[in-house]
C-alpha atoms as a PDB file:
ATOM      1  CA  MET A   1       0.000   0.000   0.000  1.00  0.00           C
ATOM      2  CA  ALA A   2       1.186   3.497  -0.796  1.00  0.00           C
ATOM      3  CA  ALA A   3       1.902   5.241   2.478  1.00  0.00           C
ATOM      4  CA  ILE A   4       1.877   8.688   3.949  1.00  0.00           C
ATOM      5  CA  SER A   5       5.236   9.297   5.524  1.00  0.00           C
ATOM      6  CA  LEU A   6       5.776  12.426   7.585  1.00  0.00           C
ATOM      7  CA  ARG A   7       9.413  11.739   8.368  1.00  0.00           C
ATOM      8  CA  HIS A   8      10.920  13.752   5.556  1.00  0.00           C
ATOM      9  CA  ASN A   9       9.883  17.061   4.079  1.00  0.00           C
ATOM     10  CA  PRO A  10      11.633  17.323   0.690  1.00  0.00           C
ATOM     11  CA  TYR A  11      10.461  20.905   0.304  1.00  0.00           C
ATOM     12  CA  ALA A  12      11.837  22.333   3.509  1.00  0.00           C
ATOM     13  CA  ASN A  13      14.876  24.001   1.967  1.00  0.00           C
ATOM     14  CA  ASN A  14      14.386  24.122  -1.775  1.00  0.00           C
ATOM     15  CA  ALA A  15      12.765  26.165  -4.492  1.00  0.00           C
ATOM     16  CA  TYR A  16       9.258  25.102  -3.452  1.00  0.00           C
ATOM     17  CA  GLN A  17       9.429  27.778  -0.767  1.00  0.00           C
ATOM     18  CA  GLN A  18       7.970  31.035  -1.955  1.00  0.00           C
ATOM     19  CA  GLN A  19       8.571  34.584  -0.836  1.00  0.00           C
ATOM     20  CA  GLY A  20       6.348  36.109   1.818  1.00  0.00           C
ATOM     21  CA  VAL A  21       5.747  35.836   5.520  1.00  0.00           C
ATOM     22  CA  ILE A  22       4.475  32.426   6.601  1.00  0.00           C
ATOM     23  CA  ILE A  23       1.773  32.730   9.272  1.00  0.00           C
ATOM     24  CA  GLU A  24       0.799  29.062   9.668  1.00  0.00           C
ATOM     25  CA  GLU A  25       2.636  25.857   8.771  1.00  0.00           C
ATOM     26  CA  ILE A  26       2.499  22.110   9.328  1.00  0.00           C
ATOM     27  CA  ALA A  27       5.794  20.820   7.957  1.00  0.00           C
ATOM     28  CA  GLY A  28       5.429  18.916   4.719  1.00  0.00           C
ATOM     29  CA  LEU A  29       1.651  19.372   4.546  1.00  0.00           C
ATOM     30  CA  ILE A  30       0.569  23.000   4.395  1.00  0.00           C
ATOM     31  CA  ARG A  31       2.043  26.484   4.474  1.00  0.00           C
ATOM     32  CA  VAL A  32      -0.102  29.631   4.663  1.00  0.00           C
ATOM     33  CA  HIS A  33       1.303  33.032   3.738  1.00  0.00           C
ATOM     34  CA  ARG A  34       0.181  36.369   5.130  1.00  0.00           C
ATOM     35  CA  GLY A  35      -1.241  37.416   1.774  1.00  0.00           C
ATOM     36  CA  GLY A  36      -3.493  34.369   1.706  1.00  0.00           C
ATOM     37  CA  HIS A  37      -1.447  32.164  -0.619  1.00  0.00           C
ATOM     38  CA  VAL A  38      -1.605  28.513   0.438  1.00  0.00           C
ATOM     39  CA  GLU A  39       0.983  25.856  -0.430  1.00  0.00           C
ATOM     40  CA  ARG A  40       0.269  22.135  -0.146  1.00  0.00           C
ATOM     41  CA  PRO A  41       3.408  20.115  -0.998  1.00  0.00           C
ATOM     42  CA  PRO A  42       2.497  16.861  -2.808  1.00  0.00           C
ATOM     43  CA  ILE A  43       3.546  14.666   0.108  1.00  0.00           C
ATOM     44  CA  VAL A  44       1.036  12.017  -0.996  1.00  0.00           C
ATOM     45  CA  PRO A  45       0.668  11.140  -4.701  1.00  0.00           C
ATOM     46  CA  GLN A  46      -2.661  11.826  -6.350  1.00  0.00           C
ATOM     47  CA  VAL A  47      -3.698   8.921  -8.550  1.00  0.00           C
ATOM     48  CA  SER A  48      -6.244   8.286 -11.263  1.00  0.00           C
ATOM     49  CA  CYS A  49      -9.299   6.128 -10.699  1.00  0.00           C
ATOM     50  CA  THR A  50      -7.699   3.169 -12.467  1.00  0.00           C
ATOM     51  CA  ILE A  51      -7.871  -0.140 -10.566  1.00  0.00           C
ATOM     52  CA  ALA A  52      -6.352  -3.474 -11.576  1.00  0.00           C
ATOM     53  CA  ALA A  53      -9.043  -5.787 -12.960  1.00  0.00           C
ATOM     54  CA  GLU A  54      -8.163  -8.629 -10.591  1.00  0.00           C
ATOM     55  CA  GLN A  55      -9.264  -6.521  -7.608  1.00  0.00           C
ATOM     56  CA  GLY A  56     -12.865  -6.766  -8.757  1.00  0.00           C
ATOM     57  CA  ILE A  57     -13.605  -3.062  -8.302  1.00  0.00           C
ATOM     58  CA  THR A  58     -14.407  -0.332 -10.824  1.00  0.00           C
ATOM     59  CA  ALA A  59     -13.886   3.328  -9.913  1.00  0.00           C
ATOM     60  CA  ARG A  60     -14.816   6.510 -11.748  1.00  0.00           C
ATOM     61  CA  ASP A  61     -14.770  10.200 -10.913  1.00  0.00           C
ATOM     62  CA  VAL A  62     -18.140  11.937 -11.089  1.00  0.00           C
ATOM     63  CA  ILE A  63     -19.065  15.620 -11.111  1.00  0.00           C
ATOM     64  CA  ILE A  64     -21.507  16.678  -8.406  1.00  0.00           C
ATOM     65  CA  ASN A  65     -21.450  20.431  -9.017  1.00  0.00           C
ATOM     66  CA  LYS A  66     -19.405  21.699 -11.946  1.00  0.00           C
ATOM     67  CA  GLU A  67     -19.782  25.348 -10.971  1.00  0.00           C
ATOM     68  CA  ILE A  68     -17.929  24.899  -7.686  1.00  0.00           C
ATOM     69  CA  ASN A  69     -15.729  21.988  -8.823  1.00  0.00           C
ATOM     70  CA  LEU A  70     -17.279  19.518  -6.406  1.00  0.00           C
ATOM     71  CA  TRP A  71     -16.612  15.917  -7.379  1.00  0.00           C
ATOM     72  CA  ALA A  72     -16.347  12.442  -5.945  1.00  0.00           C
ATOM     73  CA  ARG A  73     -14.739   9.096  -6.714  1.00  0.00           C
ATOM     74  CA  VAL A  74     -17.210   6.208  -6.833  1.00  0.00           C
ATOM     75  CA  TYR A  75     -16.237   2.575  -6.182  1.00  0.00           C
ATOM     76  CA  VAL A  76     -18.427  -0.354  -7.236  1.00  0.00           C
ATOM     77  CA  LEU A  77     -18.010  -4.094  -7.543  1.00  0.00           C
ATOM     78  CA  THR A  78     -17.230  -5.178 -11.101  1.00  0.00           C
ATOM     79  CA  SER A  79     -19.600  -8.099 -10.682  1.00  0.00           C
ATOM     80  CA  CYS A  80     -22.500  -7.662  -8.316  1.00  0.00           C
ATOM     81  CA  GLN A  81     -25.481  -9.776  -7.358  1.00  0.00           C
ATOM     82  CA  GLY A  82     -28.193  -8.010  -5.407  1.00  0.00           C
ATOM     83  CA  LYS A  83     -28.255  -4.532  -3.907  1.00  0.00           C
ATOM     84  CA  LEU A  84     -25.418  -3.275  -1.728  1.00  0.00           C
ATOM     85  CA  PRO A  85     -25.109  -0.706   1.094  1.00  0.00           C
ATOM     86  CA  LEU A  86     -24.105   2.794  -0.016  1.00  0.00           C
ATOM     87  CA  LEU A  87     -21.280   4.507   1.893  1.00  0.00           C
ATOM     88  CA  VAL A  88     -20.616   8.226   1.517  1.00  0.00           C
ATOM     89  CA  TYR A  89     -17.005   8.650   2.659  1.00  0.00           C
ATOM     90  CA  PHE A  90     -15.186  11.789   3.826  1.00  0.00           C
ATOM     91  CA  HIS A  91     -11.371  11.685   3.884  1.00  0.00           C
ATOM     92  CA  GLY A  92      -9.209  13.047   6.682  1.00  0.00           C
ATOM     93  CA  GLY A  93      -6.629  15.818   6.665  1.00  0.00           C
ATOM     94  CA  GLY A  94      -7.625  18.350   9.311  1.00  0.00           C
ATOM     95  CA  PHE A  95     -10.060  19.997   6.853  1.00  0.00           C
ATOM     96  CA  CYS A  96      -6.989  21.567   5.243  1.00  0.00           C
ATOM     97  CA  VAL A  97      -5.246  18.834   3.228  1.00  0.00           C
ATOM     98  CA  GLY A  98      -6.162  15.579   1.551  1.00  0.00           C
ATOM     99  CA  SER A  99      -8.049  14.468  -1.520  1.00  0.00           C
ATOM    100  CA  ALA A 100     -10.305  11.710  -2.754  1.00  0.00           C
ATOM    101  CA  ALA A 101      -7.479  11.104  -5.252  1.00  0.00           C
ATOM    102  CA  TRP A 102      -4.762  10.600  -2.625  1.00  0.00           C
ATOM    103  CA  SER A 103      -3.221   7.188  -3.250  1.00  0.00           C
ATOM    104  CA  CYS A 104      -3.637   6.068   0.376  1.00  0.00           C
ATOM    105  CA  TYR A 105      -7.392   6.698   0.296  1.00  0.00           C
ATOM    106  CA  HIS A 106      -7.804   5.271  -3.191  1.00  0.00           C
ATOM    107  CA  GLU A 107      -6.194   2.018  -2.109  1.00  0.00           C
ATOM    108  CA  PHE A 108      -7.921   1.862   1.287  1.00  0.00           C
ATOM    109  CA  LEU A 109     -11.371   2.411  -0.215  1.00  0.00           C
ATOM    110  CA  THR A 110     -10.732  -0.029  -3.060  1.00  0.00           C
ATOM    111  CA  ASN A 111      -9.934  -2.626  -0.421  1.00  0.00           C
ATOM    112  CA  LEU A 112     -12.908  -1.622   1.727  1.00  0.00           C
ATOM    113  CA  ALA A 113     -15.402  -1.858  -1.151  1.00  0.00           C
ATOM    114  CA  SER A 114     -14.011  -5.257  -2.127  1.00  0.00           C
ATOM    115  CA  LYS A 115     -13.952  -6.762   1.362  1.00  0.00           C
ATOM    116  CA  VAL A 116     -17.183  -5.271   2.667  1.00  0.00           C
ATOM    117  CA  ASN A 117     -19.226  -5.549  -0.562  1.00  0.00           C
ATOM    118  CA  CYS A 118     -20.562  -2.011  -0.786  1.00  0.00           C
ATOM    119  CA  VAL A 119     -20.726   1.015  -3.071  1.00  0.00           C
ATOM    120  CA  ILE A 120     -18.572   3.946  -1.914  1.00  0.00           C
ATOM    121  CA  ILE A 121     -18.820   7.620  -2.867  1.00  0.00           C
ATOM    122  CA  SER A 122     -15.599   9.329  -1.730  1.00  0.00           C
ATOM    123  CA  LEU A 123     -16.185  13.084  -1.679  1.00  0.00           C
ATOM    124  CA  ASN A 124     -13.523  15.603  -2.642  1.00  0.00           C
ATOM    125  CA  TYR A 125     -14.835  18.419  -0.437  1.00  0.00           C
ATOM    126  CA  HIS A 126     -13.496  21.980  -0.358  1.00  0.00           C
ATOM    127  CA  LEU A 127     -10.535  22.626   1.939  1.00  0.00           C
ATOM    128  CA  ALA A 128      -9.737  25.283   4.517  1.00  0.00           C
ATOM    129  CA  PRO A 129      -8.419  27.908   4.965  1.00  0.00           C
ATOM    130  CA  GLU A 130      -9.702  29.000   1.551  1.00  0.00           C
ATOM    131  CA  ASN A 131     -13.063  27.479   2.483  1.00  0.00           C
ATOM    132  CA  ARG A 132     -13.544  27.553   6.239  1.00  0.00           C
ATOM    133  CA  LEU A 133     -16.178  25.529   8.024  1.00  0.00           C
ATOM    134  CA  PRO A 134     -19.058  25.026   7.451  1.00  0.00           C
ATOM    135  CA  ALA A 135     -18.039  24.767   3.758  1.00  0.00           C
ATOM    136  CA  ALA A 136     -17.125  21.072   4.057  1.00  0.00           C
ATOM    137  CA  TYR A 137     -20.417  20.372   5.840  1.00  0.00           C
ATOM    138  CA  ASP A 138     -22.254  22.143   3.025  1.00  0.00           C
ATOM    139  CA  ASP A 139     -20.445  19.932   0.499  1.00  0.00           C
ATOM    140  CA  GLY A 140     -21.419  16.816   2.443  1.00  0.00           C
ATOM    141  CA  PHE A 141     -25.069  17.795   2.719  1.00  0.00           C
ATOM    142  CA  ASN A 142     -25.251  18.860  -0.931  1.00  0.00           C
ATOM    143  CA  THR A 143     -23.721  15.542  -1.985  1.00  0.00           C
ATOM    144  CA  LEU A 144     -26.520  13.680  -0.220  1.00  0.00           C
ATOM    145  CA  MET A 145     -29.056  15.892  -1.989  1.00  0.00           C
ATOM    146  CA  TRP A 146     -27.320  15.127  -5.305  1.00  0.00           C
ATOM    147  CA  VAL A 147     -27.521  11.373  -4.664  1.00  0.00           C
ATOM    148  CA  LYS A 148     -31.206  11.785  -3.794  1.00  0.00           C
ATOM    149  CA  HIS A 149     -31.825  13.771  -6.983  1.00  0.00           C
ATOM    150  CA  GLU A 150     -30.036  11.252  -9.182  1.00  0.00           C
ATOM    151  CA  ALA A 151     -31.945   8.370  -7.576  1.00  0.00           C
ATOM    152  CA  LEU A 152     -35.346  10.045  -7.960  1.00  0.00           C
ATOM    153  CA  ASN A 153     -34.708  10.965 -11.575  1.00  0.00           C
ATOM    154  CA  GLY A 154     -33.382   7.544 -12.542  1.00  0.00           C
ATOM    155  CA  SER A 155     -30.274   9.155 -13.985  1.00  0.00           C
ATOM    156  CA  SER A 156     -28.922   7.075 -16.849  1.00  0.00           C
ATOM    157  CA  GLY A 157     -25.537   8.745 -16.469  1.00  0.00           C
ATOM    158  CA  GLN A 158     -25.184   7.473 -12.896  1.00  0.00           C
ATOM    159  CA  ASN A 159     -26.959   4.145 -13.339  1.00  0.00           C
ATOM    160  CA  TRP A 160     -23.635   2.289 -13.477  1.00  0.00           C
ATOM    161  CA  TRP A 161     -23.365   2.672  -9.693  1.00  0.00           C
ATOM    162  CA  LEU A 162     -26.915   3.558  -8.622  1.00  0.00           C
ATOM    163  CA  SER A 163     -28.181   0.232  -9.949  1.00  0.00           C
ATOM    164  CA  GLN A 164     -26.026  -1.553  -7.340  1.00  0.00           C
ATOM    165  CA  CYS A 165     -27.244   0.502  -4.369  1.00  0.00           C
ATOM    166  CA  ASN A 166     -29.693  -0.411  -1.676  1.00  0.00           C
ATOM    167  CA  LEU A 167     -30.941   3.134  -1.132  1.00  0.00           C
ATOM    168  CA  SER A 168     -32.518   2.151   2.168  1.00  0.00           C
ATOM    169  CA  SER A 169     -29.072   1.264   3.512  1.00  0.00           C
ATOM    170  CA  LEU A 170     -27.098   4.531   3.500  1.00  0.00           C
ATOM    171  CA  PHE A 171     -24.102   5.068   5.788  1.00  0.00           C
ATOM    172  CA  LEU A 172     -21.969   8.154   6.316  1.00  0.00           C
ATOM    173  CA  VAL A 173     -18.338   7.276   7.015  1.00  0.00           C
ATOM    174  CA  GLY A 174     -15.217   9.315   7.593  1.00  0.00           C
ATOM    175  CA  ASP A 175     -11.857   9.337   9.290  1.00  0.00           C
ATOM    176  CA  SER A 176     -10.395  12.153  11.360  1.00  0.00           C
ATOM    177  CA  ALA A 177     -11.734  15.448   9.940  1.00  0.00           C
ATOM    178  CA  GLY A 178     -13.899  13.362   7.627  1.00  0.00           C
ATOM    179  CA  ALA A 179     -15.562  11.766  10.660  1.00  0.00           C
ATOM    180  CA  ASN A 180     -16.219  15.246  12.023  1.00  0.00           C
ATOM    181  CA  ILE A 181     -17.861  16.139   8.699  1.00  0.00           C
ATOM    182  CA  ALA A 182     -20.023  13.013   8.752  1.00  0.00           C
ATOM    183  CA  PHE A 183     -21.178  13.787  12.304  1.00  0.00           C
ATOM    184  CA  ASN A 184     -21.979  17.420  11.557  1.00  0.00           C
ATOM    185  CA  VAL A 185     -23.828  16.595   8.334  1.00  0.00           C
ATOM    186  CA  VAL A 186     -26.065  14.183  10.256  1.00  0.00           C
ATOM    187  CA  THR A 187     -26.480  16.764  13.024  1.00  0.00           C
ATOM    188  CA  ARG A 188     -27.615  19.315  10.446  1.00  0.00           C
ATOM    189  CA  ILE A 189     -30.140  16.906   8.959  1.00  0.00           C
ATOM    190  CA  THR A 190     -31.607  15.883  12.302  1.00  0.00           C
ATOM    191  CA  SER A 191     -31.572  19.232  14.137  1.00  0.00           C
ATOM    192  CA  ASN A 192     -32.970  21.730  11.616  1.00  0.00           C
ATOM    193  CA  THR A 193     -36.747  21.955  11.844  1.00  0.00           C
ATOM    194  CA  SER A 194     -36.914  23.083   8.208  1.00  0.00           C
ATOM    195  CA  TYR A 195     -35.797  19.574   7.204  1.00  0.00           C
ATOM    196  CA  ALA A 196     -38.695  17.150   7.191  1.00  0.00           C
ATOM    197  CA  PRO A 197     -38.039  13.595   8.431  1.00  0.00           C
ATOM    198  CA  THR A 198     -38.260  12.519   4.801  1.00  0.00           C
ATOM    199  CA  ILE A 199     -35.567  14.935   3.589  1.00  0.00           C
ATOM    200  CA  LEU A 200     -33.407  12.077   2.305  1.00  0.00           C
ATOM    201  CA  ASN A 201     -36.151  10.010   0.635  1.00  0.00           C
ATOM    202  CA  PRO A 202     -35.694   7.652  -1.166  1.00  0.00           C
ATOM    203  CA  LEU A 203     -32.460   7.315   0.819  1.00  0.00           C
ATOM    204  CA  SER A 204     -32.639   5.970   4.350  1.00  0.00           C
ATOM    205  CA  LEU A 205     -29.764   6.704   6.726  1.00  0.00           C
ATOM    206  CA  LYS A 206     -28.913   3.543   8.649  1.00  0.00           C
ATOM    207  CA  GLY A 207     -25.650   4.367  10.340  1.00  0.00           C
ATOM    208  CA  LEU A 208     -22.696   6.594  11.031  1.00  0.00           C
ATOM    209  CA  ILE A 209     -19.113   5.243  11.138  1.00  0.00           C
ATOM    210  CA  LEU A 210     -16.652   7.646  12.752  1.00  0.00           C
ATOM    211  CA  ILE A 211     -13.003   6.617  12.519  1.00  0.00           C
ATOM    212  CA  GLN A 212     -10.806   8.552  14.975  1.00  0.00           C
ATOM    213  CA  PRO A 213     -13.144  11.590  14.775  1.00  0.00           C
ATOM    214  CA  PHE A 214     -11.291  14.890  14.821  1.00  0.00           C
ATOM    215  CA  PHE A 215     -12.760  16.877  17.701  1.00  0.00           C
ATOM    216  CA  GLY A 216     -11.175  19.325  20.092  1.00  0.00           C
ATOM    217  CA  GLY A 217     -11.686  21.728  22.953  1.00  0.00           C
ATOM    218  CA  GLU A 218      -9.907  24.455  24.820  1.00  0.00           C
ATOM    219  CA  GLU A 219      -9.320  22.197  27.814  1.00  0.00           C
ATOM    220  CA  ARG A 220      -6.753  19.483  27.091  1.00  0.00           C
ATOM    221  CA  THR A 221      -7.510  15.833  27.722  1.00  0.00           C
ATOM    222  CA  ILE A 222      -5.020  13.497  29.390  1.00  0.00           C
ATOM    223  CA  SER A 223      -4.134  11.804  26.086  1.00  0.00           C
ATOM    224  CA  GLU A 224      -3.566  15.205  24.469  1.00  0.00           C
ATOM    225  CA  LYS A 225      -1.278  16.287  27.299  1.00  0.00           C
ATOM    226  CA  HIS A 226       0.642  13.084  27.911  1.00  0.00           C
ATOM    227  CA  SER A 227       0.425  10.802  24.862  1.00  0.00           C
ATOM    228  CA  LYS A 228       3.942  10.366  23.482  1.00  0.00           C
ATOM    229  CA  GLN A 229       3.907  10.717  19.694  1.00  0.00           C
ATOM    230  CA  PRO A 230       6.687   9.534  17.374  1.00  0.00           C
ATOM    231  CA  PRO A 231       8.275  12.084  15.005  1.00  0.00           C
ATOM    232  CA  ASP A 232       6.245  10.717  12.084  1.00  0.00           C
ATOM    233  CA  SER A 233       2.913  10.819  13.919  1.00  0.00           C
ATOM    234  CA  ALA A 234      -0.077  11.648  11.726  1.00  0.00           C
ATOM    235  CA  LEU A 235      -1.445  14.050  14.352  1.00  0.00           C
ATOM    236  CA  THR A 236       0.242  16.007  17.126  1.00  0.00           C
ATOM    237  CA  VAL A 237      -1.323  18.554  19.468  1.00  0.00           C
ATOM    238  CA  SER A 238       0.528  21.346  17.662  1.00  0.00           C
ATOM    239  CA  ALA A 239      -0.731  20.215  14.243  1.00  0.00           C
ATOM    240  CA  SER A 240      -4.239  19.802  15.631  1.00  0.00           C
ATOM    241  CA  ASP A 241      -4.262  23.367  16.937  1.00  0.00           C
ATOM    242  CA  THR A 242      -3.028  24.675  13.586  1.00  0.00           C
ATOM    243  CA  TYR A 243      -5.727  22.803  11.674  1.00  0.00           C
ATOM    244  CA  TRP A 244      -8.404  24.271  13.921  1.00  0.00           C
ATOM    245  CA  ARG A 245      -7.070  27.816  13.548  1.00  0.00           C
ATOM    246  CA  LEU A 246      -7.239  27.402   9.783  1.00  0.00           C
ATOM    247  CA  ALA A 247     -10.590  25.615   9.621  1.00  0.00           C
ATOM    248  CA  LEU A 248     -12.891  27.208  12.199  1.00  0.00           C
ATOM    249  CA  PRO A 249     -14.829  30.394  11.450  1.00  0.00           C
ATOM    250  CA  LEU A 250     -12.686  33.456  12.109  1.00  0.00           C
ATOM    251  CA  GLY A 251     -12.693  34.349  15.779  1.00  0.00           C
ATOM    252  CA  ALA A 252     -14.003  30.964  16.943  1.00  0.00           C
ATOM    253  CA  THR A 253     -12.296  28.996  19.699  1.00  0.00           C
ATOM    254  CA  ARG A 254     -11.887  25.221  19.973  1.00  0.00           C
ATOM    255  CA  ASP A 255     -15.050  25.164  22.075  1.00  0.00           C
ATOM    256  CA  HIS A 256     -17.091  26.043  19.001  1.00  0.00           C
ATOM    257  CA  GLN A 257     -19.646  23.306  18.299  1.00  0.00           C
ATOM    258  CA  TYR A 258     -17.930  22.418  14.991  1.00  0.00           C
ATOM    259  CA  CYS A 259     -14.893  21.411  17.026  1.00  0.00           C
ATOM    260  CA  ASN A 260     -16.322  20.408  20.393  1.00  0.00           C
ATOM    261  CA  PRO A 261     -19.598  18.440  20.183  1.00  0.00           C
ATOM    262  CA  GLN A 262     -20.000  18.845  23.946  1.00  0.00           C
ATOM    263  CA  ALA A 263     -20.976  22.433  23.107  1.00  0.00           C
ATOM    264  CA  TYR A 264     -24.333  21.180  21.837  1.00  0.00           C
ATOM    265  CA  GLY A 265     -25.301  20.229  25.377  1.00  0.00           C
ATOM    266  CA  MET A 266     -26.931  17.029  26.565  1.00  0.00           C
ATOM    267  CA  ALA A 267     -30.483  18.285  26.006  1.00  0.00           C
ATOM    268  CA  LYS A 268     -29.909  18.986  22.326  1.00  0.00           C
ATOM    269  CA  LEU A 269     -28.023  15.723  21.763  1.00  0.00           C
ATOM    270  CA  LYS A 270     -30.975  13.844  23.250  1.00  0.00           C
ATOM    271  CA  ASP A 271     -33.289  15.519  20.741  1.00  0.00           C
ATOM    272  CA  LEU A 272     -31.191  14.563  17.709  1.00  0.00           C
ATOM    273  CA  ASN A 273     -32.517  11.534  15.847  1.00  0.00           C
ATOM    274  CA  PHE A 274     -29.198   9.838  15.177  1.00  0.00           C
ATOM    275  CA  PRO A 275     -28.916   6.465  13.462  1.00  0.00           C
ATOM    276  CA  ALA A 276     -26.711   3.724  14.928  1.00  0.00           C
ATOM    277  CA  ILE A 277     -23.138   4.958  15.430  1.00  0.00           C
ATOM    278  CA  MET A 278     -19.794   3.159  15.443  1.00  0.00           C
ATOM    279  CA  VAL A 279     -16.795   5.043  16.819  1.00  0.00           C
ATOM    280  CA  CYS A 280     -13.332   3.670  16.024  1.00  0.00           C
ATOM    281  CA  VAL A 281     -10.651   4.733  18.514  1.00  0.00           C
ATOM    282  CA  SER A 282      -6.881   4.241  18.313  1.00  0.00           C
ATOM    283  CA  GLU A 283      -5.054   3.491  21.559  1.00  0.00           C
ATOM    284  CA  LYS A 284      -2.024   5.688  20.794  1.00  0.00           C
ATOM    285  CA  ASP A 285      -3.974   8.576  19.262  1.00  0.00           C
ATOM    286  CA  ILE A 286      -3.892  11.965  21.008  1.00  0.00           C
ATOM    287  CA  LEU A 287      -7.662  11.997  20.343  1.00  0.00           C
ATOM    288  CA  LYS A 288      -8.252   8.758  22.279  1.00  0.00           C
ATOM    289  CA  ASP A 289      -9.717  10.346  25.403  1.00  0.00           C
ATOM    290  CA  ARG A 290     -11.765  12.863  23.453  1.00  0.00           C
ATOM    291  CA  ASN A 291     -13.182  10.089  21.252  1.00  0.00           C
ATOM    292  CA  LEU A 292     -14.091   7.985  24.296  1.00  0.00           C
ATOM    293  CA  GLU A 293     -15.707  10.987  25.984  1.00  0.00           C
ATOM    294  CA  PHE A 294     -17.715  11.650  22.817  1.00  0.00           C
ATOM    295  CA  SER A 295     -18.934   8.042  22.711  1.00  0.00           C
ATOM    296  CA  ASN A 296     -19.896   8.120  26.380  1.00  0.00           C
ATOM    297  CA  THR A 297     -21.799  11.387  25.936  1.00  0.00           C
ATOM    298  CA  LEU A 298     -23.801   9.963  23.039  1.00  0.00           C
ATOM    299  CA  ALA A 299     -24.574   6.834  25.039  1.00  0.00           C
ATOM    300  CA  LYS A 300     -25.773   8.941  27.995  1.00  0.00           C
ATOM    301  CA  ALA A 301     -27.973  10.845  25.528  1.00  0.00           C
ATOM    302  CA  GLY A 302     -29.663   7.574  24.701  1.00  0.00           C
ATOM    303  CA  LYS A 303     -28.002   6.972  21.341  1.00  0.00           C
ATOM    304  CA  ARG A 304     -27.040   3.554  20.044  1.00  0.00           C
ATOM    305  CA  VAL A 305     -23.241   3.663  20.059  1.00  0.00           C
ATOM    306  CA  GLU A 306     -20.655   0.954  19.474  1.00  0.00           C
ATOM    307  CA  THR A 307     -17.089   1.850  20.428  1.00  0.00           C
ATOM    308  CA  VAL A 308     -14.147  -0.162  19.097  1.00  0.00           C
ATOM    309  CA  MET A 309     -10.574   0.281  20.393  1.00  0.00           C
ATOM    310  CA  TYR A 310      -7.591  -0.604  18.183  1.00  0.00           C
ATOM    311  CA  ARG A 311      -4.582  -1.477  20.319  1.00  0.00           C
ATOM    312  CA  GLY A 312      -1.030  -0.414  19.657  1.00  0.00           C
ATOM    313  CA  VAL A 313      -1.793   1.990  16.797  1.00  0.00           C
ATOM    314  CA  GLY A 314      -2.081   5.738  16.353  1.00  0.00           C
ATOM    315  CA  HIS A 315      -4.111   8.225  14.403  1.00  0.00           C
ATOM    316  CA  ALA A 316      -4.989   7.262  10.826  1.00  0.00           C
ATOM    317  CA  PHE A 317      -3.130   3.955  11.075  1.00  0.00           C
ATOM    318  CA  GLN A 318      -5.440   2.435   8.465  1.00  0.00           C
ATOM    319  CA  VAL A 319      -3.958   4.637   5.720  1.00  0.00           C
ATOM    320  CA  LEU A 320      -0.459   5.156   7.105  1.00  0.00           C
ATOM    321  CA  GLN A 321       2.830   3.354   6.623  1.00  0.00           C
ATOM    322  CA  ASN A 322       2.885  -0.412   5.942  1.00  0.00           C
ATOM    323  CA  CYS A 323      -0.604  -1.259   7.089  1.00  0.00           C
ATOM    324  CA  GLN A 324      -1.936  -3.271   4.165  1.00  0.00           C
ATOM    325  CA  LEU A 325      -1.470  -6.521   6.039  1.00  0.00           C
ATOM    326  CA  SER A 326      -1.765  -5.211   9.580  1.00  0.00           C
ATOM    327  CA  GLN A 327      -4.001  -7.091  11.946  1.00  0.00           C
ATOM    328  CA  GLN A 328      -5.673  -3.910  13.186  1.00  0.00           C
ATOM    329  CA  ARG A 329      -6.518  -2.735   9.689  1.00  0.00           C
ATOM    330  CA  THR A 330      -8.010  -6.111   8.832  1.00  0.00           C
ATOM    331  CA  GLU A 331      -9.983  -5.983  12.076  1.00  0.00           C
ATOM    332  CA  MET A 332     -11.312  -2.514  11.265  1.00  0.00           C
ATOM    333  CA  ILE A 333     -12.606  -3.616   7.871  1.00  0.00           C
ATOM    334  CA  SER A 334     -14.207  -6.664   9.498  1.00  0.00           C
ATOM    335  CA  HIS A 335     -15.874  -4.473  12.140  1.00  0.00           C
ATOM    336  CA  ILE A 336     -17.222  -2.129   9.467  1.00  0.00           C
ATOM    337  CA  LYS A 337     -18.639  -5.073   7.530  1.00  0.00           C
ATOM    338  CA  THR A 338     -20.378  -6.407  10.631  1.00  0.00           C
ATOM    339  CA  PHE A 339     -21.799  -2.962  11.441  1.00  0.00           C
ATOM    340  CA  LEU A 340     -23.198  -2.556   7.927  1.00  0.00           C
ATOM    341  CA  ASN A 341     -24.898  -5.928   8.014  1.00  0.00           C
ATOM    342  CA  GLN A 342     -26.411  -5.855  11.501  1.00  0.00           C
END
């Protein structure tokens, strides 16, 4: 599997650096200049939708909204019998980096579609700081409305994947910032009184899968304060803070509800009509305690929550380093399959 490696930044001292004062930077991933120019070194290759025939998966890129360049990569089984669950997937990257075309996500989702037997729509949402939150939430919600529209109209152009979908078995899935997006899209759907209960018809939302959800808060948790991270860690406290400064609305703190779901309050969480939720937590992740607290809060609010801990691994392990054959990654895919079929 192609890997993200954060050990070496080939652009640190070469011509990739541009003139101007740098006001925010996460080495090797993003650099923001005072004038607003944003650099994203190509630390992870972007790949086409081509997949080897023997993997049994076909992928194509589809346009959701040409005017704003919103697109997604769709994965389907080459040979399918019966209707399959539909997963709308949101990639990670702190809202600021990442792509549906990143090689690590392309390979992970190819494997997931093959092993789980599902259709996956991997959204290439707009990134911060050029598009601060709630832009990514808007993209997620609008993608669901696009799927609904295409399904209702019997779109011939999208029939190659729609024909495989069980529209009554829709799941929103994401890792890290993508899990945050999935949660907030569902929160928007279930909390706004202008949305009727049938807003998604003919789609029916069955579940929410949140992999190492990227949440925060002004008060540090124990794992944020004391978790020892290797130099190549996918997420450090410093990087997390930088992502939030770049992604939250201007002037917002990490206790904003986009960042800290505890800000909604128990009463509001109780009122939200969430589907079944699976939260995947990594033992060595700085977000471990925050993820566990989030799961416990949802459970206290009466929500159906399944929490799974992956031992000995850190943030985003499923797409990092040499994880193609890792036991934990195999376990995660197995857990997702079980959750979809329950």
